[in-house]
Amino acid sequence: MSEELVNEIKDAITPINDPHMGISIVEMGIVQNITVDGDQAEITLKPTNPGCMSITRIAADAKIRAEGVEGIEKAIITVEGHAMADSINEMINR
């Protein structure tokens, strides 16, 4: 069941494009990992640039779309490899 939910989450976030490149964050490799435990999803994002100004918006969009998947109550987004990762993660996952 969780494998199915992982695929549904991936499908849900695939339409999110990097605003600078116009390419899906999944295709660009920004989405590093998706896991599901019960009704909670964890998504790891790693921007291509450690100073990317768009990663907060991308993370927020990913959270909203993942939480819109039936069977997912909460999505935790972890941004890695960004200069402001700790602050972004704290803000996104409140």
Protein backbone atom coordinates (compact mmCIF):
# COMPACT_ATOMS: atom_id res chain seq x y z
CA MET A 1 0.00 0.00 0.00
CA SER A 2 2.72 2.51 0.83
CA GLU A 3 4.44 1.82 -2.53
CA GLU A 4 1.18 2.80 -4.21
CA LEU A 5 0.97 5.97 -2.11
CA VAL A 6 4.59 6.84 -2.94
CA ASN A 7 3.71 6.62 -6.63
CA GLU A 8 0.57 8.72 -6.12
CA ILE A 9 2.59 11.39 -4.31
CA LYS A 10 5.20 11.35 -7.07
CA ASP A 11 2.44 11.81 -9.65
CA ALA A 12 0.93 14.63 -7.57
CA ILE A 13 4.19 16.59 -7.31
CA THR A 14 5.46 15.94 -10.84
CA PRO A 15 3.58 18.98 -12.25
CA ILE A 16 5.59 21.30 -9.96
CA ASN A 17 8.16 22.95 -12.18
CA ASP A 18 11.39 24.64 -11.26
CA PRO A 19 10.40 28.25 -12.08
CA HIS A 20 13.76 29.05 -13.64
CA MET A 21 14.06 25.96 -15.82
CA GLY A 22 10.41 25.17 -16.48
CA ILE A 23 11.12 21.47 -15.87
CA SER A 24 9.44 19.18 -13.34
CA ILE A 25 11.18 18.99 -9.97
CA VAL A 26 10.93 15.19 -10.27
CA GLU A 27 12.62 15.15 -13.69
CA MET A 28 15.33 17.55 -12.49
CA GLY A 29 16.21 15.31 -9.55
CA ILE A 30 15.26 17.90 -6.94
CA VAL A 31 13.02 15.25 -5.37
CA GLN A 32 15.56 12.98 -3.72
CA ASN A 33 13.27 10.62 -1.82
CA ILE A 34 9.64 9.93 -0.95
CA THR A 35 8.63 7.61 1.88
CA VAL A 36 5.28 6.80 3.45
CA ASP A 37 4.64 5.52 6.95
CA GLY A 38 0.96 5.06 7.65
CA ASP A 39 -0.75 8.33 6.72
CA GLN A 40 2.46 10.39 6.85
CA ALA A 41 4.71 11.12 3.89
CA GLU A 42 8.27 12.36 3.99
CA ILE A 43 9.71 14.09 0.94
CA THR A 44 13.36 15.09 0.65
CA LEU A 45 14.21 17.92 -1.72
CA LYS A 46 17.66 19.03 -2.78
CA PRO A 47 17.88 22.16 -4.93
CA THR A 48 20.41 22.32 -7.74
CA ASN A 49 21.81 25.53 -6.22
CA PRO A 50 22.50 25.98 -2.48
CA GLY A 51 21.20 29.54 -2.72
CA CYS A 52 18.06 28.74 -4.76
CA MET A 53 15.46 31.40 -4.01
CA SER A 54 12.58 29.21 -5.24
CA ILE A 55 13.02 26.16 -2.99
CA THR A 56 10.67 27.51 -0.31
CA ARG A 57 7.86 27.85 -2.84
CA ILE A 58 8.68 24.43 -4.30
CA ALA A 59 8.66 22.87 -0.82
CA ALA A 60 5.34 24.50 0.08
CA ASP A 61 3.77 23.33 -3.19
CA ALA A 62 5.07 19.78 -2.66
CA LYS A 63 3.61 19.72 0.86
CA ILE A 64 0.20 20.92 -0.31
CA ARG A 65 0.06 18.48 -3.22
CA ALA A 66 1.27 15.52 -1.14
CA GLU A 67 -1.31 16.25 1.56
CA GLY A 68 -3.95 16.29 -1.17
CA VAL A 69 -3.30 12.62 -1.93
CA GLU A 70 -5.99 10.40 -0.47
CA GLY A 71 -4.58 8.48 2.48
CA ILE A 72 -1.97 11.11 3.37
CA GLU A 73 -2.78 13.27 6.38
CA LYS A 74 0.59 14.95 6.82
CA ALA A 75 3.63 15.54 4.63
CA ILE A 76 6.99 16.41 6.12
CA ILE A 77 9.31 18.17 3.72
CA THR A 78 13.05 18.11 4.26
CA VAL A 79 15.22 20.45 2.23
CA GLU A 80 18.87 19.43 2.08
CA GLY A 81 21.91 21.15 0.61
CA HIS A 82 20.57 24.69 0.86
CA ALA A 83 22.17 27.53 2.81
CA MET A 84 18.88 28.16 4.64
CA ALA A 85 17.73 24.52 4.90
CA ASP A 86 17.15 24.54 8.67
CA SER A 87 15.00 27.69 8.54
CA ILE A 88 13.04 26.48 5.51
CA ASN A 89 12.37 23.09 7.08
CA GLU A 90 11.18 24.68 10.30
CA MET A 91 8.88 27.08 8.47
CA ILE A 92 7.40 24.51 6.05
CA ASN A 93 6.71 21.85 8.68
CA ARG A 94 5.01 23.95 11.36
